[in-house]
């Protein structure tokens, strides 16, 4: 038992500079892991958004355009009429083609 107690006390008595270096190294590794996870998460989110969201021009007025996803559209027809009925507008149907 005395040997285990000595070992524990020796680790606890590491010089402060060595403790700092060891902690600093672990923190840097942890920061790299977190940064890579955040970057990959942002990249996945952007890729998902690019797949499901598209800008489609109005069929009647080429100056207007709507942001269309598989389950929503920014056009007035969808917003005021079809959304409440659970229907899709012509822009959404165009996206699904």
Protein backbone atom coordinates (compact mmCIF):
# COMPACT_ATOMS: atom_id res chain seq x y z
CA UNK A 1 0.00 0.00 0.00
CA UNK A 2 2.81 2.38 0.70
CA UNK A 3 4.07 2.12 -2.88
CA UNK A 4 0.69 3.12 -4.34
CA UNK A 5 0.47 6.04 -1.97
CA UNK A 6 3.93 7.19 -2.99
CA UNK A 7 3.05 6.87 -6.68
CA UNK A 8 -0.07 8.95 -6.26
CA UNK A 9 1.76 11.61 -4.30
CA UNK A 10 4.54 11.71 -6.91
CA UNK A 11 2.02 12.41 -9.67
CA UNK A 12 0.42 15.09 -7.57
CA UNK A 13 3.84 16.61 -6.94
CA UNK A 14 4.67 17.08 -10.62
CA UNK A 15 6.38 20.40 -11.17
CA UNK A 16 3.86 23.14 -12.00
CA UNK A 17 5.48 23.81 -15.37
CA UNK A 18 5.11 20.14 -16.39
CA UNK A 19 1.49 20.12 -15.21
CA UNK A 20 0.81 23.23 -17.24
CA UNK A 21 2.38 21.74 -20.38
CA UNK A 22 0.40 18.53 -20.00
CA UNK A 23 -2.91 20.37 -19.48
CA UNK A 24 -2.15 22.79 -22.32
CA UNK A 25 -1.48 19.89 -24.71
CA UNK A 26 -4.77 18.20 -23.76
CA UNK A 27 -6.67 21.46 -24.18
CA UNK A 28 -5.18 22.05 -27.64
CA UNK A 29 -6.16 18.53 -28.74
CA UNK A 30 -9.67 19.05 -27.40
CA UNK A 31 -9.97 22.42 -29.18
CA UNK A 32 -8.92 20.82 -32.48
CA UNK A 33 -11.54 18.09 -32.09
CA UNK A 34 -14.27 20.62 -31.32
CA UNK A 35 -13.28 22.85 -34.25
CA UNK A 36 -13.25 19.97 -36.72
CA UNK A 37 -16.66 18.77 -35.50
CA UNK A 38 -18.12 22.28 -35.83
CA UNK A 39 -16.68 22.71 -39.32
CA UNK A 40 -18.00 19.37 -40.49
CA UNK A 41 -21.40 20.13 -38.95
CA UNK A 42 -21.55 23.48 -40.77
CA UNK A 43 -20.52 21.83 -44.04
CA UNK A 44 -23.21 19.16 -43.65
CA UNK A 45 -25.82 21.81 -42.90
CA UNK A 46 -24.84 23.86 -45.97
CA UNK A 47 -24.92 20.77 -48.18
CA UNK A 48 -28.34 19.79 -46.86
CA UNK A 49 -29.64 23.31 -47.45
CA UNK A 50 -28.25 23.37 -51.00
CA UNK A 51 -29.97 20.07 -51.79
CA UNK A 52 -33.39 21.08 -50.50
CA UNK A 53 -33.58 24.85 -51.13
CA UNK A 54 -33.69 26.45 -54.55
CA UNK A 55 -34.48 29.84 -56.03
CA UNK A 56 -37.17 29.51 -58.72
CA UNK A 57 -38.32 32.43 -60.87
CA UNK A 58 -41.99 33.27 -61.17
CA UNK A 59 -43.72 31.78 -64.21
CA UNK A 60 -45.65 34.99 -64.90
CA UNK A 61 -43.11 37.67 -63.93
CA UNK A 62 -39.42 36.90 -64.60
CA UNK A 63 -38.31 39.70 -62.25
CA UNK A 64 -39.77 37.85 -59.24
CA UNK A 65 -38.23 34.78 -57.72
CA UNK A 66 -39.20 32.55 -54.81
CA UNK A 67 -37.20 30.45 -52.39
CA UNK A 68 -38.63 26.96 -52.60
CA UNK A 69 -37.97 23.89 -50.47
CA UNK A 70 -39.58 20.48 -50.58
CA UNK A 71 -42.08 21.52 -47.90
CA UNK A 72 -42.46 25.34 -48.26
CA UNK A 73 -42.44 28.21 -50.73
CA UNK A 74 -42.33 32.01 -50.38
CA UNK A 75 -44.97 32.65 -53.06
CA UNK A 76 -48.31 34.21 -52.10
CA UNK A 77 -50.31 31.30 -53.51
CA UNK A 78 -48.69 28.85 -51.14
CA UNK A 79 -48.64 31.21 -48.17
CA UNK A 80 -52.29 32.36 -48.36
CA UNK A 81 -54.09 29.38 -49.95
CA UNK A 82 -52.31 26.08 -50.20
CA UNK A 83 -50.39 25.95 -46.91
CA UNK A 84 -53.53 25.74 -44.78
CA UNK A 85 -54.95 22.99 -47.02
CA UNK A 86 -51.69 21.03 -47.01
CA UNK A 87 -51.25 21.33 -50.78
CA UNK A 88 -48.16 22.15 -52.84
CA UNK A 89 -47.81 25.12 -55.18
CA UNK A 90 -46.56 24.93 -58.76
CA UNK A 91 -43.06 26.05 -57.70
CA UNK A 92 -42.78 23.15 -55.26
CA UNK A 93 -44.02 20.74 -57.92
CA UNK A 94 -41.37 22.15 -60.29
CA UNK A 95 -38.69 21.51 -57.67
CA UNK A 96 -39.80 17.90 -57.25
CA UNK A 97 -39.58 17.16 -61.00
